[in-house]
């Protein structure tokens, strides 16, 4: 089975990183878009962005805490 995923990426100066992939549901995408907007205001334009991928691993199998961190952003 194929799954659509979304992941937050960032690069600030020489440091870069990314979050864990999440299922590309409308709720997850909206939460991550909000996070990107907030972080780009704080750290500068284009420092944070989303990456969409296709995977054979079900992202819903991620630890609940990883999903909760994204869903609770800004709460």
C-alpha atoms as a PDB file:
ATOM      1  CA  UNK A   1       0.000   0.000   0.000  1.00  0.00           C
ATOM      2  CA  UNK A   2       1.202   3.546  -0.745  1.00  0.00           C
ATOM      3  CA  UNK A   3       0.858   6.441   1.731  1.00  0.00           C
ATOM      4  CA  UNK A   4       1.199  10.209   1.287  1.00  0.00           C
ATOM      5  CA  UNK A   5       3.361  11.823   3.956  1.00  0.00           C
ATOM      6  CA  UNK A   6       4.291  15.357   4.959  1.00  0.00           C
ATOM      7  CA  UNK A   7       7.388  16.409   6.890  1.00  0.00           C
ATOM      8  CA  UNK A   8       8.622  19.732   8.282  1.00  0.00           C
ATOM      9  CA  UNK A   9      12.145  20.703   7.158  1.00  0.00           C
ATOM     10  CA  UNK A  10      14.301  23.570   8.367  1.00  0.00           C
ATOM     11  CA  UNK A  11      17.628  25.259   7.710  1.00  0.00           C
ATOM     12  CA  UNK A  12      18.955  28.095   9.841  1.00  0.00           C
ATOM     13  CA  UNK A  13      22.501  29.170   9.045  1.00  0.00           C
ATOM     14  CA  UNK A  14      24.615  26.018   8.735  1.00  0.00           C
ATOM     15  CA  UNK A  15      22.220  23.887  10.803  1.00  0.00           C
ATOM     16  CA  UNK A  16      19.404  21.904   9.222  1.00  0.00           C
ATOM     17  CA  UNK A  17      16.975  19.185  10.171  1.00  0.00           C
ATOM     18  CA  UNK A  18      13.515  17.737   9.788  1.00  0.00           C
ATOM     19  CA  UNK A  19      10.670  16.310  11.763  1.00  0.00           C
ATOM     20  CA  UNK A  20       9.201  12.844  11.540  1.00  0.00           C
ATOM     21  CA  UNK A  21       6.915  12.119   8.598  1.00  0.00           C
ATOM     22  CA  UNK A  22       3.196  12.306   9.291  1.00  0.00           C
ATOM     23  CA  UNK A  23       0.218  11.153   7.271  1.00  0.00           C
ATOM     24  CA  UNK A  24      -0.625  13.951   4.823  1.00  0.00           C
ATOM     25  CA  UNK A  25      -4.133  14.452   6.200  1.00  0.00           C
ATOM     26  CA  UNK A  26      -5.698  17.894   5.847  1.00  0.00           C
ATOM     27  CA  UNK A  27      -5.449  18.373   9.639  1.00  0.00           C
ATOM     28  CA  UNK A  28      -1.730  17.521   9.748  1.00  0.00           C
ATOM     29  CA  UNK A  29      -0.984  19.697   6.712  1.00  0.00           C
ATOM     30  CA  UNK A  30      -2.895  22.656   8.201  1.00  0.00           C
ATOM     31  CA  UNK A  31      -1.088  22.287  11.534  1.00  0.00           C
ATOM     32  CA  UNK A  32       2.302  22.071   9.849  1.00  0.00           C
ATOM     33  CA  UNK A  33       1.531  25.026   7.560  1.00  0.00           C
ATOM     34  CA  UNK A  34       0.765  27.064  10.689  1.00  0.00           C
ATOM     35  CA  UNK A  35       4.022  25.898  12.256  1.00  0.00           C
ATOM     36  CA  UNK A  36       5.991  26.842   9.095  1.00  0.00           C
ATOM     37  CA  UNK A  37       4.392  30.287   9.035  1.00  0.00           C
ATOM     38  CA  UNK A  38       5.194  30.927  12.713  1.00  0.00           C
ATOM     39  CA  UNK A  39       8.775  29.666  12.394  1.00  0.00           C
ATOM     40  CA  UNK A  40       9.453  31.654   9.215  1.00  0.00           C
ATOM     41  CA  UNK A  41       8.306  34.816  11.026  1.00  0.00           C
ATOM     42  CA  UNK A  42      10.581  34.013  13.979  1.00  0.00           C
ATOM     43  CA  UNK A  43      13.684  32.667  12.181  1.00  0.00           C
ATOM     44  CA  UNK A  44      13.424  34.337   8.768  1.00  0.00           C
ATOM     45  CA  UNK A  45      11.801  33.700   5.392  1.00  0.00           C
ATOM     46  CA  UNK A  46      12.285  30.281   3.813  1.00  0.00           C
ATOM     47  CA  UNK A  47      13.964  28.770   6.902  1.00  0.00           C
ATOM     48  CA  UNK A  48      11.113  26.244   7.303  1.00  0.00           C
ATOM     49  CA  UNK A  49       9.130  24.381   4.636  1.00  0.00           C
ATOM     50  CA  UNK A  50       7.050  21.254   4.082  1.00  0.00           C
ATOM     51  CA  UNK A  51       8.080  18.244   2.047  1.00  0.00           C
ATOM     52  CA  UNK A  52       5.495  15.846   0.656  1.00  0.00           C
ATOM     53  CA  UNK A  53       6.529  12.273  -0.154  1.00  0.00           C
ATOM     54  CA  UNK A  54       5.072   8.897  -0.993  1.00  0.00           C
ATOM     55  CA  UNK A  55       5.981   5.922   1.197  1.00  0.00           C
ATOM     56  CA  UNK A  56       5.172   2.262   1.649  1.00  0.00           C
ATOM     57  CA  UNK A  57       5.346   2.714   5.450  1.00  0.00           C
ATOM     58  CA  UNK A  58       2.141   3.739   7.168  1.00  0.00           C
ATOM     59  CA  UNK A  59       2.879   7.059   8.945  1.00  0.00           C
ATOM     60  CA  UNK A  60      -0.016   6.409  11.349  1.00  0.00           C
ATOM     61  CA  UNK A  61       2.280   3.871  13.024  1.00  0.00           C
ATOM     62  CA  UNK A  62       4.411   6.719  14.417  1.00  0.00           C
ATOM     63  CA  UNK A  63       4.514   7.229  18.157  1.00  0.00           C
ATOM     64  CA  UNK A  64       1.499   9.149  19.453  1.00  0.00           C
ATOM     65  CA  UNK A  65       3.794  11.728  21.101  1.00  0.00           C
ATOM     66  CA  UNK A  66       5.284  12.690  17.702  1.00  0.00           C
ATOM     67  CA  UNK A  67       1.844  13.334  16.244  1.00  0.00           C
ATOM     68  CA  UNK A  68       0.689  15.169  19.389  1.00  0.00           C
ATOM     69  CA  UNK A  69       3.626  17.595  19.190  1.00  0.00           C
ATOM     70  CA  UNK A  70       2.448  18.753  15.772  1.00  0.00           C
ATOM     71  CA  UNK A  71      -1.254  18.755  16.582  1.00  0.00           C
ATOM     72  CA  UNK A  72      -0.700  20.824  19.741  1.00  0.00           C
ATOM     73  CA  UNK A  73       1.450  23.495  18.098  1.00  0.00           C
ATOM     74  CA  UNK A  74       0.219  26.898  19.089  1.00  0.00           C
ATOM     75  CA  UNK A  75      -2.188  25.590  21.728  1.00  0.00           C
END
